[in-house]
Amino acid sequence: MKRVTGIGGIFFTARDAPALQAWYKLHLGIDVQDWGGTAFTWADGAGKPVDGTTIWSIGAAQDAPFAPSTAPFMVNYRVEDLDALVEVLREEGCTVLENPDAQENTNDSEYGKFAWVIDPEGNKVELWQPPAGQ
């Protein structure tokens, strides 16, 4: 079983999220949208778009979006079979966060399936199985 197949997103927080978003937009040319981030479309070696995106987003630190972690960032990793990976991680003794609203301890949505694990340094890691075809 493959575990991580790529990076689906990079999320971090800021004391002044709108100001930091504006800085990245002005100085680095990142097309920051009203929701606080952008979706980078994947491309092949010739620059032709292919299926897949990587999300980049800045959120407000005071909202504590990565709790229970206190880290100011979270990386979202793409996986092929989230339920199987969560099962293996539990068997290996990893801390998989419970999601009381989800089936199989993953969170299903129109964007795919999500689960979260805490690494040994206390960082929250998001695992994402994209919807079929992405």
N, C-alpha and C. Protein backbone atom coordinates (compact mmCIF):
# COMPACT_ATOMS: atom_id res chain seq x y z
N MET A 1 0.84 -1.19 0.00
CA MET A 1 0.00 0.00 0.00
C MET A 1 0.88 1.24 0.00
N LYS A 2 0.60 2.14 -0.93
CA LYS A 2 1.27 3.43 -0.89
C LYS A 2 0.72 4.22 0.28
N ARG A 3 1.55 5.03 0.86
CA ARG A 3 1.09 5.88 1.96
C ARG A 3 0.87 7.28 1.38
N VAL A 4 1.81 8.17 1.49
CA VAL A 4 1.67 9.52 0.95
C VAL A 4 2.08 9.53 -0.52
N THR A 5 1.27 10.17 -1.35
CA THR A 5 1.57 10.24 -2.79
C THR A 5 1.92 11.66 -3.25
N GLY A 6 1.79 12.65 -2.38
CA GLY A 6 2.11 14.02 -2.74
C GLY A 6 1.60 14.99 -1.69
N ILE A 7 1.79 16.26 -1.96
CA ILE A 7 1.31 17.30 -1.05
C ILE A 7 0.07 17.93 -1.65
N GLY A 8 -1.00 17.91 -0.87
CA GLY A 8 -2.27 18.48 -1.31
C GLY A 8 -2.43 19.92 -0.88
N GLY A 9 -1.74 20.32 0.17
CA GLY A 9 -1.88 21.69 0.63
C GLY A 9 -0.90 22.05 1.72
N ILE A 10 -0.65 23.35 1.81
CA ILE A 10 0.18 23.92 2.86
C ILE A 10 -0.63 25.04 3.48
N PHE A 11 -0.85 24.92 4.78
CA PHE A 11 -1.68 25.87 5.50
C PHE A 11 -0.87 26.45 6.65
N PHE A 12 -0.95 27.76 6.84
CA PHE A 12 -0.29 28.34 8.00
C PHE A 12 -1.08 29.51 8.51
N THR A 13 -0.76 29.92 9.72
CA THR A 13 -1.50 31.01 10.36
C THR A 13 -0.62 32.23 10.52
N ALA A 14 -1.30 33.34 10.76
CA ALA A 14 -0.61 34.62 10.96
C ALA A 14 -1.36 35.45 11.98
N ARG A 15 -0.62 36.30 12.69
CA ARG A 15 -1.27 37.21 13.64
C ARG A 15 -2.20 38.16 12.91
N ASP A 16 -1.78 38.60 11.71
CA ASP A 16 -2.60 39.50 10.89
C ASP A 16 -2.70 38.86 9.50
N ALA A 17 -3.62 37.90 9.37
CA ALA A 17 -3.76 37.13 8.13
C ALA A 17 -3.99 38.01 6.90
N PRO A 18 -4.91 38.98 6.93
CA PRO A 18 -5.12 39.80 5.73
C PRO A 18 -3.86 40.55 5.29
N ALA A 19 -3.08 41.06 6.24
CA ALA A 19 -1.86 41.77 5.88
C ALA A 19 -0.83 40.83 5.26
N LEU A 20 -0.70 39.63 5.83
CA LEU A 20 0.26 38.68 5.27
C LEU A 20 -0.18 38.18 3.91
N GLN A 21 -1.48 37.94 3.75
CA GLN A 21 -2.01 37.56 2.44
C GLN A 21 -1.69 38.63 1.40
N ALA A 22 -1.89 39.89 1.77
CA ALA A 22 -1.61 41.02 0.86
C ALA A 22 -0.13 41.07 0.50
N TRP A 23 0.76 40.80 1.47
CA TRP A 23 2.20 40.80 1.21
C TRP A 23 2.55 39.75 0.17
N TYR A 24 2.05 38.53 0.35
CA TYR A 24 2.34 37.47 -0.61
C TYR A 24 1.78 37.79 -2.00
N LYS A 25 0.63 38.42 -2.03
CA LYS A 25 0.03 38.79 -3.31
C LYS A 25 0.87 39.86 -4.01
N LEU A 26 1.24 40.90 -3.27
CA LEU A 26 2.00 42.01 -3.84
C LEU A 26 3.42 41.62 -4.22
N HIS A 27 4.13 40.99 -3.30
CA HIS A 27 5.56 40.76 -3.50
C HIS A 27 5.92 39.45 -4.19
N LEU A 28 5.08 38.43 -4.04
CA LEU A 28 5.39 37.14 -4.67
C LEU A 28 4.41 36.78 -5.78
N GLY A 29 3.41 37.61 -5.97
CA GLY A 29 2.48 37.38 -7.08
C GLY A 29 1.53 36.22 -6.89
N ILE A 30 1.34 35.78 -5.65
CA ILE A 30 0.41 34.68 -5.40
C ILE A 30 -1.01 35.23 -5.48
N ASP A 31 -1.85 34.57 -6.25
CA ASP A 31 -3.22 35.01 -6.48
C ASP A 31 -4.10 34.64 -5.27
N VAL A 32 -3.93 35.37 -4.17
CA VAL A 32 -4.67 35.10 -2.95
C VAL A 32 -6.13 35.50 -3.16
N GLN A 33 -7.02 34.54 -2.94
CA GLN A 33 -8.45 34.75 -3.11
C GLN A 33 -9.08 35.22 -1.79
N ASP A 34 -10.35 35.61 -1.84
CA ASP A 34 -11.06 36.11 -0.66
C ASP A 34 -11.05 35.11 0.50
N TRP A 35 -10.96 33.81 0.21
CA TRP A 35 -10.98 32.81 1.27
C TRP A 35 -9.62 32.67 1.96
N GLY A 36 -8.61 33.41 1.51
CA GLY A 36 -7.32 33.43 2.19
C GLY A 36 -6.21 32.64 1.56
N GLY A 37 -6.45 32.08 0.39
CA GLY A 37 -5.41 31.28 -0.25
C GLY A 37 -5.62 31.15 -1.74
N THR A 38 -4.91 30.20 -2.30
CA THR A 38 -5.02 29.95 -3.74
C THR A 38 -4.85 28.45 -4.00
N ALA A 39 -5.26 28.05 -5.17
CA ALA A 39 -5.07 26.67 -5.61
C ALA A 39 -4.10 26.68 -6.78
N PHE A 40 -2.95 26.09 -6.58
CA PHE A 40 -1.97 25.98 -7.66
C PHE A 40 -2.33 24.76 -8.50
N THR A 41 -2.59 24.97 -9.77
CA THR A 41 -2.92 23.88 -10.68
C THR A 41 -1.64 23.18 -11.10
N TRP A 42 -1.69 21.87 -11.09
CA TRP A 42 -0.53 21.09 -11.50
C TRP A 42 -0.37 21.16 -13.01
N ALA A 43 0.87 21.03 -13.44
CA ALA A 43 1.18 21.03 -14.87
C ALA A 43 2.26 19.99 -15.16
N ASP A 44 2.27 19.53 -16.40
CA ASP A 44 3.32 18.59 -16.78
C ASP A 44 4.58 19.37 -17.16
N GLY A 45 5.60 18.68 -17.62
CA GLY A 45 6.88 19.30 -17.95
C GLY A 45 6.78 20.37 -19.03
N ALA A 46 5.75 20.28 -19.89
CA ALA A 46 5.56 21.26 -20.96
C ALA A 46 4.67 22.42 -20.52
N GLY A 47 4.21 22.37 -19.26
CA GLY A 47 3.35 23.45 -18.76
C GLY A 47 1.86 23.22 -19.00
N LYS A 48 1.53 22.06 -19.55
CA LYS A 48 0.12 21.74 -19.81
C LYS A 48 -0.55 21.30 -18.50
N PRO A 49 -1.71 21.91 -18.13
CA PRO A 49 -2.38 21.52 -16.90
C PRO A 49 -2.75 20.03 -16.88
N VAL A 50 -2.60 19.43 -15.70
CA VAL A 50 -3.00 18.05 -15.47
C VAL A 50 -3.92 18.05 -14.24
N ASP A 51 -4.64 16.95 -14.04
CA ASP A 51 -5.54 16.87 -12.90
C ASP A 51 -4.76 17.00 -11.59
N GLY A 52 -5.24 17.87 -10.73
CA GLY A 52 -4.66 18.02 -9.41
C GLY A 52 -4.31 19.46 -9.10
N THR A 53 -4.41 19.79 -7.83
CA THR A 53 -4.05 21.11 -7.34
C THR A 53 -3.37 20.97 -5.99
N THR A 54 -2.64 22.00 -5.62
CA THR A 54 -2.09 22.12 -4.28
C THR A 54 -2.63 23.42 -3.71
N ILE A 55 -3.26 23.33 -2.55
CA ILE A 55 -3.82 24.50 -1.89
C ILE A 55 -2.75 25.15 -1.02
N TRP A 56 -2.75 26.47 -1.02
CA TRP A 56 -1.86 27.27 -0.18
C TRP A 56 -2.76 28.28 0.51
N SER A 57 -2.67 28.37 1.83
CA SER A 57 -3.62 29.23 2.55
C SER A 57 -3.02 29.78 3.83
N ILE A 58 -3.41 31.03 4.13
CA ILE A 58 -3.06 31.68 5.39
C ILE A 58 -4.35 31.94 6.15
N GLY A 59 -4.41 31.49 7.38
CA GLY A 59 -5.57 31.73 8.23
C GLY A 59 -5.19 32.50 9.48
N ALA A 60 -6.19 32.90 10.22
CA ALA A 60 -5.98 33.68 11.44
C ALA A 60 -5.48 32.78 12.57
N ALA A 61 -4.38 33.18 13.19
CA ALA A 61 -3.80 32.38 14.28
C ALA A 61 -4.77 32.25 15.44
N GLN A 62 -5.53 33.29 15.73
CA GLN A 62 -6.43 33.26 16.89
C GLN A 62 -7.56 32.24 16.73
N ASP A 63 -7.82 31.77 15.51
CA ASP A 63 -8.86 30.76 15.28
C ASP A 63 -8.38 29.36 15.64
N ALA A 64 -7.09 29.18 15.89
CA ALA A 64 -6.48 27.89 16.26
C ALA A 64 -6.95 26.75 15.35
N PRO A 65 -6.79 26.91 14.02
CA PRO A 65 -7.31 25.90 13.10
C PRO A 65 -6.59 24.55 13.15
N PHE A 66 -5.42 24.50 13.77
CA PHE A 66 -4.66 23.25 13.78
C PHE A 66 -4.67 22.57 15.15
N ALA A 67 -5.56 23.01 16.03
CA ALA A 67 -5.66 22.40 17.35
C ALA A 67 -5.93 20.90 17.20
N PRO A 68 -5.37 20.07 18.03
CA PRO A 68 -4.73 20.42 19.28
C PRO A 68 -3.27 20.84 19.15
N SER A 69 -2.73 20.85 17.96
CA SER A 69 -1.36 21.30 17.75
C SER A 69 -1.28 22.80 18.01
N THR A 70 -0.13 23.23 18.49
CA THR A 70 0.10 24.67 18.66
C THR A 70 1.00 25.21 17.55
N ALA A 71 1.36 24.36 16.60
CA ALA A 71 2.21 24.78 15.48
C ALA A 71 1.44 25.77 14.60
N PRO A 72 2.13 26.71 13.97
CA PRO A 72 1.47 27.69 13.10
C PRO A 72 1.28 27.18 11.67
N PHE A 73 1.41 25.89 11.47
CA PHE A 73 1.29 25.34 10.11
C PHE A 73 0.67 23.96 10.15
N MET A 74 0.22 23.51 9.00
CA MET A 74 -0.23 22.13 8.83
C MET A 74 -0.01 21.78 7.36
N VAL A 75 0.52 20.60 7.12
CA VAL A 75 0.71 20.11 5.76
C VAL A 75 -0.37 19.07 5.49
N ASN A 76 -0.97 19.15 4.31
CA ASN A 76 -1.98 18.20 3.86
C ASN A 76 -1.29 17.28 2.86
N TYR A 77 -1.32 15.99 3.15
CA TYR A 77 -0.70 15.01 2.26
C TYR A 77 -1.77 14.21 1.52
N ARG A 78 -1.56 14.04 0.23
CA ARG A 78 -2.46 13.21 -0.60
C ARG A 78 -2.16 11.75 -0.34
N VAL A 79 -3.23 10.94 -0.25
CA VAL A 79 -3.10 9.50 -0.08
C VAL A 79 -4.09 8.82 -1.02
N GLU A 80 -3.84 7.53 -1.32
CA GLU A 80 -4.73 6.80 -2.23
C GLU A 80 -5.85 6.06 -1.52
N ASP A 81 -5.59 5.52 -0.32
CA ASP A 81 -6.60 4.74 0.40
C ASP A 81 -6.57 5.18 1.86
N LEU A 82 -7.34 6.20 2.17
CA LEU A 82 -7.30 6.81 3.49
C LEU A 82 -7.72 5.85 4.59
N ASP A 83 -8.80 5.11 4.38
CA ASP A 83 -9.26 4.20 5.43
C ASP A 83 -8.21 3.16 5.78
N ALA A 84 -7.56 2.59 4.77
CA ALA A 84 -6.52 1.59 5.02
C ALA A 84 -5.32 2.22 5.73
N LEU A 85 -4.94 3.42 5.33
CA LEU A 85 -3.80 4.07 5.96
C LEU A 85 -4.10 4.39 7.42
N VAL A 86 -5.29 4.89 7.70
CA VAL A 86 -5.66 5.20 9.09
C VAL A 86 -5.61 3.94 9.94
N GLU A 87 -6.08 2.84 9.41
CA GLU A 87 -6.04 1.58 10.13
C GLU A 87 -4.60 1.17 10.45
N VAL A 88 -3.72 1.29 9.46
CA VAL A 88 -2.31 0.93 9.65
C VAL A 88 -1.65 1.87 10.67
N LEU A 89 -1.94 3.16 10.58
CA LEU A 89 -1.35 4.11 11.52
C LEU A 89 -1.77 3.80 12.95
N ARG A 90 -3.03 3.45 13.13
CA ARG A 90 -3.51 3.06 14.48
C ARG A 90 -2.75 1.82 14.97
N GLU A 91 -2.60 0.81 14.09
CA GLU A 91 -1.89 -0.42 14.46
C GLU A 91 -0.44 -0.11 14.83
N GLU A 92 0.14 0.90 14.21
CA GLU A 92 1.53 1.28 14.49
C GLU A 92 1.65 2.17 15.72
N GLY A 93 0.52 2.49 16.36
CA GLY A 93 0.54 3.27 17.59
C GLY A 93 0.50 4.77 17.40
N CYS A 94 0.20 5.23 16.20
CA CYS A 94 0.11 6.67 15.94
C CYS A 94 -1.16 7.25 16.56
N THR A 95 -1.10 8.54 16.88
CA THR A 95 -2.26 9.25 17.42
C THR A 95 -3.08 9.77 16.26
N VAL A 96 -4.19 9.09 15.98
CA VAL A 96 -5.13 9.52 14.95
C VAL A 96 -6.25 10.24 15.67
N LEU A 97 -6.56 11.46 15.25
CA LEU A 97 -7.60 12.24 15.91
C LEU A 97 -8.97 11.68 15.60
N GLU A 98 -9.80 11.63 16.61
CA GLU A 98 -11.17 11.16 16.44
C GLU A 98 -12.01 12.25 15.80
N ASN A 99 -12.93 11.86 14.96
CA ASN A 99 -13.87 12.78 14.34
C ASN A 99 -15.26 12.21 14.60
N PRO A 100 -15.97 12.73 15.60
CA PRO A 100 -17.25 12.14 15.99
C PRO A 100 -18.33 12.21 14.92
N ASP A 101 -18.19 13.11 13.96
CA ASP A 101 -19.21 13.25 12.91
C ASP A 101 -18.94 12.38 11.71
N ALA A 102 -17.86 11.64 11.71
CA ALA A 102 -17.45 10.91 10.51
C ALA A 102 -17.60 9.40 10.68
N GLN A 103 -17.71 8.75 9.53
CA GLN A 103 -17.69 7.30 9.51
C GLN A 103 -16.24 6.86 9.34
N GLU A 104 -15.90 5.75 9.94
CA GLU A 104 -14.55 5.18 9.80
C GLU A 104 -13.45 6.15 10.25
N ASN A 105 -13.80 7.12 11.13
CA ASN A 105 -12.85 8.10 11.66
C ASN A 105 -12.18 8.95 10.58
N THR A 106 -12.85 9.08 9.45
CA THR A 106 -12.39 10.01 8.43
C THR A 106 -13.55 10.95 8.14
N ASN A 107 -13.27 12.05 7.51
CA ASN A 107 -14.28 13.05 7.23
C ASN A 107 -14.52 13.09 5.73
N ASP A 108 -15.69 12.64 5.29
CA ASP A 108 -16.04 12.65 3.86
C ASP A 108 -16.69 13.98 3.51
N SER A 109 -16.32 14.53 2.36
CA SER A 109 -16.93 15.76 1.89
C SER A 109 -16.87 15.77 0.36
N GLU A 110 -17.42 16.82 -0.22
CA GLU A 110 -17.35 16.95 -1.67
C GLU A 110 -15.91 17.09 -2.16
N TYR A 111 -15.00 17.44 -1.25
CA TYR A 111 -13.59 17.62 -1.59
C TYR A 111 -12.79 16.35 -1.41
N GLY A 112 -13.42 15.29 -0.92
CA GLY A 112 -12.73 14.04 -0.69
C GLY A 112 -12.85 13.60 0.75
N LYS A 113 -11.93 12.75 1.17
CA LYS A 113 -11.93 12.21 2.53
C LYS A 113 -10.71 12.75 3.27
N PHE A 114 -10.91 13.07 4.55
CA PHE A 114 -9.85 13.65 5.37
C PHE A 114 -9.71 12.90 6.67
N ALA A 115 -8.49 12.83 7.18
CA ALA A 115 -8.21 12.32 8.52
C ALA A 115 -7.00 13.11 9.03
N TRP A 116 -6.80 13.07 10.35
CA TRP A 116 -5.72 13.83 10.95
C TRP A 116 -4.95 12.96 11.92
N VAL A 117 -3.65 13.14 11.94
CA VAL A 117 -2.76 12.39 12.83
C VAL A 117 -1.80 13.41 13.45
N ILE A 118 -1.36 13.12 14.65
CA ILE A 118 -0.40 13.99 15.34
C ILE A 118 0.97 13.33 15.26
N ASP A 119 1.97 14.08 14.78
CA ASP A 119 3.32 13.53 14.68
C ASP A 119 4.01 13.58 16.05
N PRO A 120 5.19 12.98 16.19
CA PRO A 120 5.86 12.94 17.50
C PRO A 120 6.22 14.31 18.08
N GLU A 121 6.26 15.35 17.24
CA GLU A 121 6.56 16.70 17.73
C GLU A 121 5.28 17.47 18.09
N GLY A 122 4.12 16.83 17.95
CA GLY A 122 2.86 17.48 18.29
C GLY A 122 2.21 18.24 17.15
N ASN A 123 2.73 18.09 15.93
CA ASN A 123 2.17 18.78 14.76
C ASN A 123 0.98 18.00 14.22
N LYS A 124 -0.07 18.72 13.90
CA LYS A 124 -1.24 18.10 13.27
C LYS A 124 -0.95 17.92 11.79
N VAL A 125 -1.16 16.71 11.29
CA VAL A 125 -0.92 16.37 9.89
C VAL A 125 -2.27 15.97 9.29
N GLU A 126 -2.59 16.55 8.15
CA GLU A 126 -3.84 16.21 7.49
C GLU A 126 -3.57 15.23 6.35
N LEU A 127 -4.38 14.17 6.31
CA LEU A 127 -4.30 13.18 5.25
C LEU A 127 -5.54 13.34 4.39
N TRP A 128 -5.37 13.33 3.08
CA TRP A 128 -6.48 13.63 2.16
C TRP A 128 -6.51 12.64 1.02
N GLN A 129 -7.65 12.02 0.84
CA GLN A 129 -7.90 11.19 -0.33
C GLN A 129 -8.82 11.99 -1.22
N PRO A 130 -8.31 12.51 -2.35
CA PRO A 130 -9.14 13.32 -3.25
C PRO A 130 -10.31 12.51 -3.80
N PRO A 131 -11.35 13.20 -4.26
CA PRO A 131 -12.45 12.49 -4.90
C PRO A 131 -11.96 11.75 -6.15
N ALA A 132 -12.67 10.73 -6.55
CA ALA A 132 -12.30 9.98 -7.74
C ALA A 132 -12.11 10.92 -8.93
N GLY A 133 -11.06 10.69 -9.69
CA GLY A 133 -10.79 11.50 -10.88
C GLY A 133 -9.89 12.69 -10.66
N GLN A 134 -9.45 12.89 -9.44
CA GLN A 134 -8.57 14.03 -9.18
C GLN A 134 -7.21 13.53 -8.76
